[in-house]
Amino acid sequence: MLLALGPFEHVIVSVLHLFSGWTHGAAITGGDVARVAAIALVGNLIGGVGLVTLSHAAQAKGK
């Protein structure tokens, strides 16, 4: 659901988009894939940890 709220994508989706472009003739290098995957992975880790931390904090506060 949150993926639709902004220009943020899951790391797997980002890499699949690049792979799709590459298979259709786009000029995509291994460096492009690595860079996009690294940026998306860091964002996913920060976002995931943040969401889990907030949800656990809210649950703990409610008890």
C-alpha atoms as a PDB file:
ATOM      1  CA  MET A   1       0.000   0.000   0.000  1.00  0.00           C
ATOM      2  CA  LEU A   2       2.714   2.501   0.919  1.00  0.00           C
ATOM      3  CA  LEU A   3       4.500   1.896  -2.389  1.00  0.00           C
ATOM      4  CA  ALA A   4       1.670   3.759  -4.120  1.00  0.00           C
ATOM      5  CA  LEU A   5       2.086   6.881  -1.967  1.00  0.00           C
ATOM      6  CA  GLY A   6       5.235   8.134  -3.640  1.00  0.00           C
ATOM      7  CA  PRO A   7       7.994   7.447  -6.124  1.00  0.00           C
ATOM      8  CA  PHE A   8       9.457   4.796  -3.816  1.00  0.00           C
ATOM      9  CA  GLU A   9       9.853   1.223  -4.962  1.00  0.00           C
ATOM     10  CA  HIS A  10      10.874  -2.040  -3.441  1.00  0.00           C
ATOM     11  CA  VAL A  11      14.407  -3.094  -4.351  1.00  0.00           C
ATOM     12  CA  ILE A  12      13.146  -6.193  -6.201  1.00  0.00           C
ATOM     13  CA  VAL A  13      10.702  -4.125  -8.272  1.00  0.00           C
ATOM     14  CA  SER A  14      13.443  -1.642  -9.159  1.00  0.00           C
ATOM     15  CA  VAL A  15      15.822  -4.355 -10.328  1.00  0.00           C
ATOM     16  CA  LEU A  16      13.048  -6.064 -12.316  1.00  0.00           C
ATOM     17  CA  HIS A  17      12.265  -2.758 -14.056  1.00  0.00           C
ATOM     18  CA  LEU A  18      15.916  -2.413 -15.038  1.00  0.00           C
ATOM     19  CA  PHE A  19      16.060  -6.022 -16.225  1.00  0.00           C
ATOM     20  CA  SER A  20      12.927  -5.484 -18.299  1.00  0.00           C
ATOM     21  CA  GLY A  21      14.434  -2.390 -19.876  1.00  0.00           C
ATOM     22  CA  TRP A  22      17.686  -4.231 -20.574  1.00  0.00           C
ATOM     23  CA  THR A  23      15.845  -7.109 -22.268  1.00  0.00           C
ATOM     24  CA  HIS A  24      14.074  -4.567 -24.486  1.00  0.00           C
ATOM     25  CA  GLY A  25      17.291  -2.906 -25.624  1.00  0.00           C
ATOM     26  CA  ALA A  26      17.855  -0.105 -23.108  1.00  0.00           C
ATOM     27  CA  ALA A  27      21.460   0.899 -22.499  1.00  0.00           C
ATOM     28  CA  ILE A  28      21.696  -0.410 -18.927  1.00  0.00           C
ATOM     29  CA  THR A  29      24.984  -1.508 -17.393  1.00  0.00           C
ATOM     30  CA  GLY A  30      25.785  -3.659 -14.393  1.00  0.00           C
ATOM     31  CA  GLY A  31      26.819  -0.474 -12.616  1.00  0.00           C
ATOM     32  CA  ASP A  32      23.361   0.995 -13.205  1.00  0.00           C
ATOM     33  CA  VAL A  33      21.733  -2.085 -11.689  1.00  0.00           C
ATOM     34  CA  ALA A  34      24.104  -2.071  -8.705  1.00  0.00           C
ATOM     35  CA  ARG A  35      23.575   1.652  -8.035  1.00  0.00           C
ATOM     36  CA  VAL A  36      19.771   1.492  -8.218  1.00  0.00           C
ATOM     37  CA  ALA A  37      19.659  -1.713  -6.169  1.00  0.00           C
ATOM     38  CA  ALA A  38      21.905  -0.220  -3.471  1.00  0.00           C
ATOM     39  CA  ILE A  39      19.857   2.977  -3.203  1.00  0.00           C
ATOM     40  CA  ALA A  40      16.556   1.075  -3.107  1.00  0.00           C
ATOM     41  CA  LEU A  41      17.922  -1.442  -0.591  1.00  0.00           C
ATOM     42  CA  VAL A  42      19.095   1.281   1.790  1.00  0.00           C
ATOM     43  CA  GLY A  43      15.724   3.013   1.490  1.00  0.00           C
ATOM     44  CA  ASN A  44      13.876  -0.259   2.082  1.00  0.00           C
ATOM     45  CA  LEU A  45      15.982  -1.020   5.155  1.00  0.00           C
ATOM     46  CA  ILE A  46      15.509   2.446   6.644  1.00  0.00           C
ATOM     47  CA  GLY A  47      11.799   2.488   5.865  1.00  0.00           C
ATOM     48  CA  GLY A  48      11.215  -1.063   7.050  1.00  0.00           C
ATOM     49  CA  VAL A  49      13.090  -0.612  10.307  1.00  0.00           C
ATOM     50  CA  GLY A  50      11.312   2.708  10.872  1.00  0.00           C
ATOM     51  CA  LEU A  51       7.858   1.241  10.261  1.00  0.00           C
ATOM     52  CA  VAL A  52       8.521  -1.799  12.441  1.00  0.00           C
ATOM     53  CA  THR A  53       9.942   0.359  15.231  1.00  0.00           C
ATOM     54  CA  LEU A  54       6.959   2.714  15.129  1.00  0.00           C
ATOM     55  CA  SER A  55       4.426  -0.118  15.093  1.00  0.00           C
ATOM     56  CA  HIS A  56       6.139  -1.898  18.002  1.00  0.00           C
ATOM     57  CA  ALA A  57       6.371   1.354  19.954  1.00  0.00           C
ATOM     58  CA  ALA A  58       2.666   2.001  19.384  1.00  0.00           C
ATOM     59  CA  GLN A  59       1.793  -1.521  20.504  1.00  0.00           C
ATOM     60  CA  ALA A  60       3.952  -1.232  23.625  1.00  0.00           C
ATOM     61  CA  LYS A  61       2.475   2.156  24.489  1.00  0.00           C
ATOM     62  CA  GLY A  62      -1.055   0.774  24.145  1.00  0.00           C
ATOM     63  CA  LYS A  63      -0.489  -1.957  26.740  1.00  0.00           C
END
